[in-house]
Amino acid sequence: MSLASPSPVVDAPPSVHSNTFLRLKKKVERAAGEAIADYRMIEDGDVVMVCVSGGKDSFTLLSTLLALRERAPVDFRVIAMNLDQRQPGFPADVLPAYFESIGVEYRIVTEDTYSIVKDKIPEGKTTCSLCSRLRRGIIYRTASELGATRIALGHHRDDMLETLFLNLFFGGKIKAMPPKLVSDDGKHVVIRPLAYCDEASIARYARAMAYPIIPCNLCGSQENAQRQQIKAMLQGWARDFPGRIESMTTALKNVVPSHLGDRGLFDFVGLTAGMALGEGDTAFDPPEVQGRLGGIGVAVAGRGIEDEAQ
């Protein structure tokens, strides 16, 4: 669990010098930079612990934060962290070698959560929930040991939308992944700098960077079937209805509590005539109808003035 010192950065793969990749890199970094700024994820003097599992998302997150640090208006420190859960076949040498090759500080934490999960979860059942809880506790403990002020996770835009529909369809909640949150114990700030980045761009970026990807199914558990169904649904929408995913992403930032039904977010009980409701009934009209009605309203108002003049 010692904190290793960085080594000199090595040359990037040849593919990253192409104009196509440079445009993609700019897109990913710009999206991450916007999310960081919008939610004030990182401030001057922060120590950001980046959780790197060995998947495409966390590799991309680490590379992006290192790139943004070079030109950011604030000074912050980046420490990569990996949890070796003692899964059979896990290549323990891959991530330390990678971290040293790019010159980033890192800590490898080894905890046999694999045995705990296998002991507690019946054969054939999904282990992801318990594994996630155990992993989260270790991550928080390590962040405290390192003095990290931010814990950065690699969840992206598609993860957030998938979670929204999982909660909507199966949990009875309108709830997604927040770009920034405080942990349950109140001690840690968790951030998701890739909140505005789409998974397809991240996958292309990771392929071009030739990251040493470690498969996520070493434990033998399959990803939640419900999440896979939601992912397929969203991918179908993205293919058949261009712009729909982007619209839903924007909707996450444009919530109107007065036009939902949560009494904890809006005082429906105390609502009476004469109170300003904001959008009022117009919120039920499609945008194009609102535009047409607005024009009709102007015309009617003008007609009324003419009538009065006569």
Protein backbone atom coordinates (compact mmCIF):
# COMPACT_ATOMS: atom_id res chain seq x y z
CA MET A 1 0.00 0.00 0.00
CA SER A 2 2.96 2.32 -0.31
CA LEU A 3 2.72 5.46 -2.39
CA ALA A 4 5.01 5.00 -5.36
CA SER A 5 7.02 7.79 -6.91
CA PRO A 6 6.47 8.70 -10.56
CA SER A 7 8.87 7.92 -13.37
CA PRO A 8 9.44 9.91 -16.61
CA VAL A 9 6.56 10.00 -19.09
CA VAL A 10 6.98 7.73 -22.10
CA ASP A 11 6.06 8.46 -25.71
CA ALA A 12 2.39 8.17 -26.69
CA PRO A 13 1.19 5.60 -29.28
CA PRO A 14 1.66 6.77 -32.91
CA SER A 15 -2.11 6.90 -33.50
CA VAL A 16 -2.50 9.81 -31.10
CA HIS A 17 -0.67 12.13 -33.45
CA SER A 18 -3.36 11.97 -36.17
CA ASN A 19 -5.66 14.94 -36.73
CA THR A 20 -8.71 12.74 -36.14
CA PHE A 21 -7.46 11.73 -32.72
CA LEU A 22 -6.44 15.26 -31.81
CA ARG A 23 -10.00 16.43 -32.54
CA LEU A 24 -11.36 13.59 -30.41
CA LYS A 25 -8.94 14.42 -27.59
CA LYS A 26 -10.02 18.05 -27.70
CA LYS A 27 -13.68 17.00 -27.57
CA VAL A 28 -13.19 14.79 -24.51
CA GLU A 29 -11.04 17.31 -22.67
CA ARG A 30 -13.40 20.20 -23.46
CA ALA A 31 -16.40 18.21 -22.18
CA ALA A 32 -14.55 17.26 -18.99
CA GLY A 33 -13.38 20.82 -18.49
CA GLU A 34 -16.93 22.14 -18.84
CA ALA A 35 -18.26 19.63 -16.29
CA ILE A 36 -15.48 20.48 -13.84
CA ALA A 37 -16.21 24.19 -14.20
CA ASP A 38 -20.02 23.87 -14.09
CA TYR A 39 -19.98 21.93 -10.83
CA ARG A 40 -16.79 23.38 -9.34
CA MET A 41 -15.36 19.90 -9.05
CA ILE A 42 -11.71 20.84 -8.53
CA GLU A 43 -10.27 23.88 -6.78
CA ASP A 44 -6.83 25.27 -6.12
CA GLY A 45 -4.80 23.02 -3.83
CA ASP A 46 -7.01 19.94 -4.21
CA VAL A 47 -5.56 16.45 -4.03
CA VAL A 48 -7.52 14.36 -6.53
CA MET A 49 -7.46 10.61 -6.06
CA VAL A 50 -8.39 9.03 -9.38
CA CYS A 51 -9.83 5.52 -9.05
CA VAL A 52 -8.40 3.42 -11.88
CA SER A 53 -9.93 -0.02 -12.34
CA GLY A 54 -8.16 -0.85 -15.57
CA GLY A 55 -11.16 -0.15 -17.80
CA LYS A 56 -11.43 2.33 -20.65
CA ASP A 57 -13.35 4.92 -18.63
CA SER A 58 -10.94 5.22 -15.72
CA PHE A 59 -7.89 5.23 -18.01
CA THR A 60 -9.47 8.06 -20.01
CA LEU A 61 -10.34 9.95 -16.84
CA LEU A 62 -6.75 9.79 -15.59
CA SER A 63 -5.27 10.91 -18.92
CA THR A 64 -7.78 13.75 -19.22
CA LEU A 65 -7.18 15.10 -15.72
CA LEU A 66 -3.40 14.98 -16.25
CA ALA A 67 -3.82 16.89 -19.53
CA LEU A 68 -6.16 19.48 -18.01
CA ARG A 69 -3.84 19.99 -15.04
CA GLU A 70 -1.14 21.26 -17.38
CA ARG A 71 -3.22 24.26 -18.44
CA ALA A 72 -5.75 24.66 -15.63
CA PRO A 73 -5.97 28.04 -13.84
CA VAL A 74 -5.78 26.18 -10.53
CA ASP A 75 -3.04 23.97 -9.13
CA PHE A 76 -4.05 20.46 -8.07
CA ARG A 77 -2.33 17.15 -7.43
CA VAL A 78 -3.33 13.85 -9.04
CA ILE A 79 -2.82 10.45 -7.41
CA ALA A 80 -3.94 7.30 -9.22
CA MET A 81 -5.38 4.55 -7.02
CA ASN A 82 -6.16 0.94 -7.87
CA LEU A 83 -7.80 -1.68 -5.70
CA ASP A 84 -6.47 -5.20 -6.29
CA GLN A 85 -9.35 -7.35 -5.03
CA ARG A 86 -7.48 -10.61 -5.47
CA GLN A 87 -9.66 -11.76 -8.32
CA PRO A 88 -8.27 -14.90 -10.03
CA GLY A 89 -6.27 -13.93 -13.09
CA PHE A 90 -5.94 -10.26 -12.18
CA PRO A 91 -2.66 -9.03 -13.76
CA ALA A 92 -1.24 -7.22 -10.72
CA ASP A 93 1.78 -5.89 -12.61
CA VAL A 94 -0.11 -4.08 -15.40
CA LEU A 95 -1.31 -0.94 -13.64
CA PRO A 96 1.85 -0.22 -11.61
CA ALA A 97 3.87 -0.49 -14.83
CA TYR A 98 1.47 1.83 -16.63
CA PHE A 99 1.41 4.42 -13.84
CA GLU A 100 5.20 4.49 -13.73
CA SER A 101 5.41 4.80 -17.51
CA ILE A 102 3.30 7.98 -17.54
CA GLY A 103 4.90 9.48 -14.47
CA VAL A 104 1.92 9.73 -12.14
CA GLU A 105 1.89 9.18 -8.39
CA TYR A 106 -0.06 6.09 -7.46
CA ARG A 107 -1.10 3.72 -4.73
CA ILE A 108 -2.05 0.07 -5.17
CA VAL A 109 -4.28 -1.26 -2.38
CA THR A 110 -4.62 -5.02 -2.01
CA GLU A 111 -7.71 -6.35 -0.23
CA ASP A 112 -9.20 -9.83 -0.71
CA THR A 113 -12.81 -8.72 -1.22
CA TYR A 114 -13.20 -11.46 -3.84
CA SER A 115 -13.24 -14.19 -1.17
CA ILE A 116 -15.71 -12.23 0.95
CA VAL A 117 -18.12 -11.76 -1.95
CA LYS A 118 -17.89 -15.40 -3.03
CA ASP A 119 -18.58 -16.49 0.54
CA LYS A 120 -21.63 -14.25 0.99
CA ILE A 121 -23.31 -14.39 -2.44
CA PRO A 122 -24.86 -17.67 -3.68
CA GLU A 123 -23.46 -19.16 -6.87
CA GLY A 124 -25.10 -17.71 -9.97
CA LYS A 125 -26.26 -14.50 -8.28
CA THR A 126 -24.92 -11.07 -9.23
CA THR A 127 -22.07 -10.04 -6.95
CA CYS A 128 -21.77 -6.44 -8.11
CA SER A 129 -23.81 -4.83 -5.30
CA LEU A 130 -21.83 -6.25 -2.38
CA CYS A 131 -18.55 -5.88 -4.25
CA SER A 132 -19.35 -2.21 -4.87
CA ARG A 133 -20.10 -1.53 -1.20
CA LEU A 134 -16.87 -3.17 -0.05
CA ARG A 135 -14.88 -1.34 -2.71
CA ARG A 136 -16.43 1.99 -1.76
CA GLY A 137 -15.40 1.61 1.88
CA ILE A 138 -11.81 0.84 0.93
CA ILE A 139 -11.70 3.78 -1.46
CA TYR A 140 -12.91 6.17 1.24
CA ARG A 141 -10.37 4.83 3.72
CA THR A 142 -7.54 5.21 1.21
CA ALA A 143 -8.61 8.75 0.35
CA SER A 144 -8.35 9.65 4.04
CA GLU A 145 -4.90 8.07 4.29
CA LEU A 146 -3.69 10.04 1.27
CA GLY A 147 -5.26 13.30 2.35
CA ALA A 148 -7.29 13.39 -0.86
CA THR A 149 -9.84 16.21 -1.04
CA ARG A 150 -11.55 14.79 -4.13
CA ILE A 151 -12.29 11.22 -5.25
CA ALA A 152 -12.64 11.06 -9.05
CA LEU A 153 -14.67 8.27 -10.66
CA GLY A 154 -14.86 7.41 -14.35
CA HIS A 155 -18.64 7.36 -14.83
CA HIS A 156 -19.73 9.12 -18.02
CA ARG A 157 -22.89 10.58 -19.56
CA ASP A 158 -24.27 7.21 -20.66
CA ASP A 159 -23.80 5.75 -17.18
CA MET A 160 -25.81 8.62 -15.74
CA LEU A 161 -28.68 8.18 -18.19
CA GLU A 162 -28.72 4.41 -17.71
CA THR A 163 -28.99 4.93 -13.96
CA LEU A 164 -31.84 7.40 -14.48
CA PHE A 165 -33.89 4.82 -16.40
CA LEU A 166 -32.96 1.97 -14.07
CA ASN A 167 -34.37 3.95 -11.16
CA LEU A 168 -37.38 5.05 -13.20
CA PHE A 169 -38.29 1.60 -14.49
CA PHE A 170 -37.28 -0.60 -11.55
CA GLY A 171 -36.85 1.67 -8.51
CA GLY A 172 -39.78 4.04 -8.70
CA LYS A 173 -37.51 7.08 -8.48
CA ILE A 174 -36.39 9.90 -10.75
CA LYS A 175 -32.74 9.65 -9.80
CA ALA A 176 -29.50 9.47 -11.73
CA MET A 177 -25.78 9.73 -10.90
CA PRO A 178 -24.87 13.24 -9.72
CA PRO A 179 -21.74 14.85 -11.20
CA LYS A 180 -20.64 15.71 -7.65
CA LEU A 181 -21.69 14.40 -4.25
CA VAL A 182 -20.70 14.10 -0.61
CA SER A 183 -20.19 10.54 0.66
CA ASP A 184 -22.58 9.01 3.18
CA ASP A 185 -20.16 9.61 6.05
CA GLY A 186 -19.84 13.28 5.04
CA LYS A 187 -16.06 13.09 4.83
CA HIS A 188 -15.40 12.91 1.10
CA VAL A 189 -16.35 14.78 -2.07
CA VAL A 190 -16.82 12.45 -5.03
CA ILE A 191 -16.64 13.88 -8.55
CA ARG A 192 -17.39 12.55 -12.04
CA PRO A 193 -15.46 14.75 -14.49
CA LEU A 194 -16.61 12.66 -17.50
CA ALA A 195 -20.28 13.50 -16.80
CA TYR A 196 -20.59 15.30 -20.17
CA CYS A 197 -18.60 12.71 -22.18
CA ASP A 198 -20.36 10.05 -24.25
CA GLU A 199 -19.22 6.44 -24.03
CA ALA A 200 -18.60 6.05 -27.76
CA SER A 201 -16.04 8.87 -27.75
CA ILE A 202 -14.36 7.43 -24.67
CA ALA A 203 -14.14 4.00 -26.33
CA ARG A 204 -12.56 5.52 -29.46
CA TYR A 205 -10.14 7.51 -27.31
CA ALA A 206 -9.12 4.43 -25.33
CA ARG A 207 -8.50 2.40 -28.49
CA ALA A 208 -6.28 5.10 -29.93
CA MET A 209 -4.33 5.41 -26.68
CA ALA A 210 -3.83 1.61 -26.61
CA TYR A 211 -4.44 1.40 -22.87
CA PRO A 212 -3.60 -1.95 -21.21
CA ILE A 213 -7.28 -2.75 -20.58
CA ILE A 214 -8.08 -5.23 -17.83
CA PRO A 215 -11.42 -7.08 -18.29
CA CYS A 216 -14.08 -6.33 -15.67
CA ASN A 217 -15.49 -9.86 -15.45
CA LEU A 218 -12.54 -11.61 -13.82
CA CYS A 219 -14.76 -12.43 -10.84
CA GLY A 220 -17.03 -14.46 -13.12
CA SER A 221 -20.02 -12.19 -12.47
CA GLN A 222 -22.01 -10.82 -15.37
CA GLU A 223 -23.04 -7.20 -15.51
CA ASN A 224 -26.54 -6.41 -14.26
CA ALA A 225 -28.95 -7.67 -16.95
CA GLN A 226 -31.33 -4.76 -16.38
CA ARG A 227 -28.55 -2.25 -17.02
CA GLN A 228 -27.65 -4.08 -20.21
CA GLN A 229 -31.26 -3.79 -21.37
CA ILE A 230 -31.30 -0.07 -20.66
CA LYS A 231 -27.97 0.38 -22.43
CA ALA A 232 -29.34 -1.36 -25.53
CA MET A 233 -32.47 0.83 -25.42
CA LEU A 234 -30.44 4.04 -25.24
CA GLN A 235 -28.10 2.89 -28.00
CA GLY A 236 -31.13 2.18 -30.18
CA TRP A 237 -32.52 5.66 -29.53
CA ALA A 238 -29.15 7.23 -30.32
CA ARG A 239 -29.07 5.36 -33.61
CA ASP A 240 -32.71 5.89 -34.65
CA PHE A 241 -33.43 9.32 -33.16
CA PRO A 242 -30.39 11.62 -33.41
CA GLY A 243 -30.39 14.26 -30.71
CA ARG A 244 -32.61 12.38 -28.26
CA ILE A 245 -29.75 11.40 -25.92
CA GLU A 246 -28.42 14.95 -25.93
CA SER A 247 -31.88 16.27 -25.10
CA MET A 248 -32.21 13.88 -22.16
CA THR A 249 -28.78 14.92 -20.92
CA THR A 250 -29.86 18.55 -20.99
CA ALA A 251 -33.06 17.60 -19.16
CA LEU A 252 -31.02 16.39 -16.18
CA LYS A 253 -30.00 20.02 -15.68
CA ASN A 254 -33.47 21.47 -16.23
CA VAL A 255 -35.70 19.96 -13.55
CA VAL A 256 -39.04 21.68 -12.83
CA PRO A 257 -40.24 20.44 -9.39
CA SER A 258 -43.57 22.27 -9.70
CA HIS A 259 -44.46 20.05 -12.65
CA LEU A 260 -43.62 16.71 -11.10
CA GLY A 261 -45.28 15.27 -8.01
CA ASP A 262 -42.79 15.25 -5.15
CA ARG A 263 -44.34 17.09 -2.20
CA GLY A 264 -40.92 17.30 -0.59
CA LEU A 265 -39.62 19.40 -3.46
CA PHE A 266 -42.68 21.57 -4.04
CA ASP A 267 -45.47 22.76 -1.75
CA PHE A 268 -48.48 21.42 -3.64
CA VAL A 269 -50.58 21.40 -0.46
CA GLY A 270 -50.01 25.09 0.17
CA LEU A 271 -50.55 26.08 -3.45
CA THR A 272 -53.43 28.55 -3.92
CA ALA A 273 -54.79 30.81 -6.63
CA GLY A 274 -52.81 33.97 -7.16
CA MET A 275 -49.46 32.41 -6.38
CA ALA A 276 -46.74 32.66 -9.05
CA LEU A 277 -46.01 29.19 -10.38
CA GLY A 278 -43.29 30.02 -12.85
CA GLU A 279 -44.06 28.13 -16.04
CA GLY A 280 -47.74 27.58 -15.21
CA ASP A 281 -49.92 25.78 -17.74
CA THR A 282 -47.56 26.58 -20.63
CA ALA A 283 -45.24 23.85 -19.35
CA PHE A 284 -47.71 21.29 -20.71
CA ASP A 285 -47.47 22.63 -24.28
CA PRO A 286 -44.80 21.34 -26.66
CA PRO A 287 -42.18 24.04 -27.51
CA GLU A 288 -43.45 24.47 -31.07
CA VAL A 289 -47.02 24.98 -29.80
CA GLN A 290 -45.81 27.53 -27.26
CA GLY A 291 -44.12 29.44 -30.05
CA ARG A 292 -47.24 29.49 -32.19
CA LEU A 293 -49.45 30.46 -29.25
CA GLY A 294 -47.08 33.28 -28.43
CA GLY A 295 -47.50 34.66 -31.93
CA ILE A 296 -51.29 34.31 -31.71
CA GLY A 297 -51.24 36.12 -28.38
CA VAL A 298 -49.41 39.05 -29.91
CA ALA A 299 -51.87 39.16 -32.79
CA VAL A 300 -54.87 39.03 -30.45
CA ALA A 301 -53.39 41.75 -28.28
CA GLY A 302 -52.84 43.91 -31.35
CA ARG A 303 -56.42 43.28 -32.51
CA GLY A 304 -57.72 44.36 -29.11
CA ILE A 305 -55.86 47.64 -29.26
CA GLU A 306 -57.22 48.32 -32.74
CA ASP A 307 -60.77 47.53 -31.59
CA GLU A 308 -60.48 49.89 -28.66
CA ALA A 309 -59.14 52.62 -30.93
CA GLN A 310 -62.29 52.32 -33.04
